[in-house]
Amino acid sequence: MALNRKLSALVQKRELAKSEATPGQLSLSFTDGSQLLIRLASAAPPMPGKGTMEKVLETGSRLVLVLEPESRIELALADPGASISLRDAQGTVEYLG
């Protein structure tokens, strides 16, 4: 699985404040007020209550979020290349992909 260099650089060291899963979508909120939205092809797996983003791996429709300490969340993207958005605390787009 390949490292998503751009998204990894943007989310690295951000601390997870909360996660919310709805049918077809996972929302991760970070302590700095930013939010990562991921459109999913299937239900979201159980999420850790807390953690710090380390990196993001992506190949085709598979996405893996790696959090410290030692958590991996494997997801199936709804539409590869158009399922991820990251916005800062003011709502400005930081990443679309």
Protein backbone atom coordinates (compact mmCIF):
# COMPACT_ATOMS: atom_id res chain seq x y z
CA MET A 1 0.00 0.00 0.00
CA ALA A 2 1.37 3.40 -0.98
CA LEU A 3 1.85 6.39 1.28
CA ASN A 4 -0.45 9.32 0.46
CA ARG A 5 2.33 11.87 0.88
CA LYS A 6 0.24 15.02 0.60
CA LEU A 7 -2.53 13.98 3.00
CA SER A 8 -0.05 12.37 5.41
CA ALA A 9 1.94 15.61 5.63
CA LEU A 10 -1.23 17.59 6.33
CA VAL A 11 -2.67 15.35 9.08
CA GLN A 12 0.52 14.09 10.72
CA LYS A 13 0.60 14.87 14.46
CA ARG A 14 -3.03 16.05 14.56
CA GLU A 15 -4.81 14.68 17.60
CA LEU A 16 -8.17 12.99 17.17
CA ALA A 17 -10.89 14.71 19.22
CA LYS A 18 -13.87 12.65 18.05
CA SER A 19 -15.13 10.45 15.26
CA GLU A 20 -18.62 10.05 13.88
CA ALA A 21 -19.77 7.40 11.45
CA THR A 22 -22.97 7.63 9.46
CA PRO A 23 -24.04 5.39 6.60
CA GLY A 24 -21.59 6.07 3.80
CA GLN A 25 -19.41 8.59 5.65
CA LEU A 26 -16.78 8.87 8.39
CA SER A 27 -16.03 12.23 10.00
CA LEU A 28 -12.90 12.73 12.07
CA SER A 29 -12.58 15.92 14.11
CA PHE A 30 -9.18 17.00 15.41
CA THR A 31 -8.28 19.06 18.48
CA ASP A 32 -7.13 21.97 16.25
CA GLY A 33 -10.69 22.28 14.88
CA SER A 34 -9.96 20.70 11.50
CA GLN A 35 -12.14 17.94 10.08
CA LEU A 36 -11.48 15.00 7.78
CA LEU A 37 -14.50 13.65 5.88
CA ILE A 38 -14.29 10.31 4.09
CA ARG A 39 -17.06 8.92 1.87
CA LEU A 40 -17.23 5.16 2.32
CA ALA A 41 -18.30 2.21 0.19
CA SER A 42 -19.13 0.18 3.32
CA ALA A 43 -19.73 0.70 7.02
CA ALA A 44 -16.96 2.28 9.07
CA PRO A 45 -15.09 -0.01 11.47
CA PRO A 46 -14.93 0.80 15.19
CA MET A 47 -12.79 3.85 15.79
CA PRO A 48 -10.34 4.45 18.63
CA GLY A 49 -11.46 7.06 21.15
CA LYS A 50 -8.25 9.01 20.79
CA GLY A 51 -4.92 8.98 19.02
CA THR A 52 -2.57 11.05 16.94
CA MET A 53 -2.44 10.75 13.16
CA GLU A 54 0.82 9.28 11.91
CA LYS A 55 0.23 8.66 8.20
CA VAL A 56 -2.29 7.77 5.50
CA LEU A 57 -1.86 4.85 3.11
CA GLU A 58 -3.95 4.61 -0.06
CA THR A 59 -4.20 2.22 -2.99
CA GLY A 60 -7.18 2.27 -5.32
CA SER A 61 -10.33 2.10 -3.20
CA ARG A 62 -8.48 1.12 0.00
CA LEU A 63 -7.49 3.69 2.60
CA VAL A 64 -5.62 3.02 5.83
CA LEU A 65 -5.34 5.61 8.60
CA VAL A 66 -2.41 4.94 10.90
CA LEU A 67 -2.66 6.50 14.35
CA GLU A 68 -0.27 6.52 17.28
CA PRO A 69 -0.22 4.50 19.46
CA GLU A 70 -0.41 1.55 17.08
CA SER A 71 -3.92 1.84 15.59
CA ARG A 72 -4.79 1.08 11.97
CA ILE A 73 -8.20 1.86 10.52
CA GLU A 74 -8.87 0.22 7.15
CA LEU A 75 -11.58 1.77 4.98
CA ALA A 76 -13.14 1.21 1.56
CA LEU A 77 -13.57 4.46 -0.37
CA ALA A 78 -16.84 5.16 -2.17
CA ASP A 79 -15.13 6.84 -5.13
CA PRO A 80 -11.32 6.60 -5.32
CA GLY A 81 -9.81 10.02 -6.01
CA ALA A 82 -12.97 11.88 -4.92
CA SER A 83 -13.89 10.60 -1.43
CA ILE A 84 -11.67 12.57 0.95
CA SER A 85 -11.81 16.17 2.11
CA LEU A 86 -9.84 17.92 4.82
CA ARG A 87 -10.88 21.35 6.06
CA ASP A 88 -9.17 23.54 8.63
CA ALA A 89 -10.94 25.09 11.63
CA GLN A 90 -12.22 27.98 9.47
CA GLY A 91 -13.67 25.58 6.85
CA THR A 92 -10.98 26.25 4.25
CA VAL A 93 -10.19 23.25 2.07
CA GLU A 94 -6.73 21.82 2.71
CA TYR A 95 -7.09 18.62 0.70
CA LEU A 96 -9.52 17.06 -1.78
CA GLY A 97 -8.94 13.62 -3.18
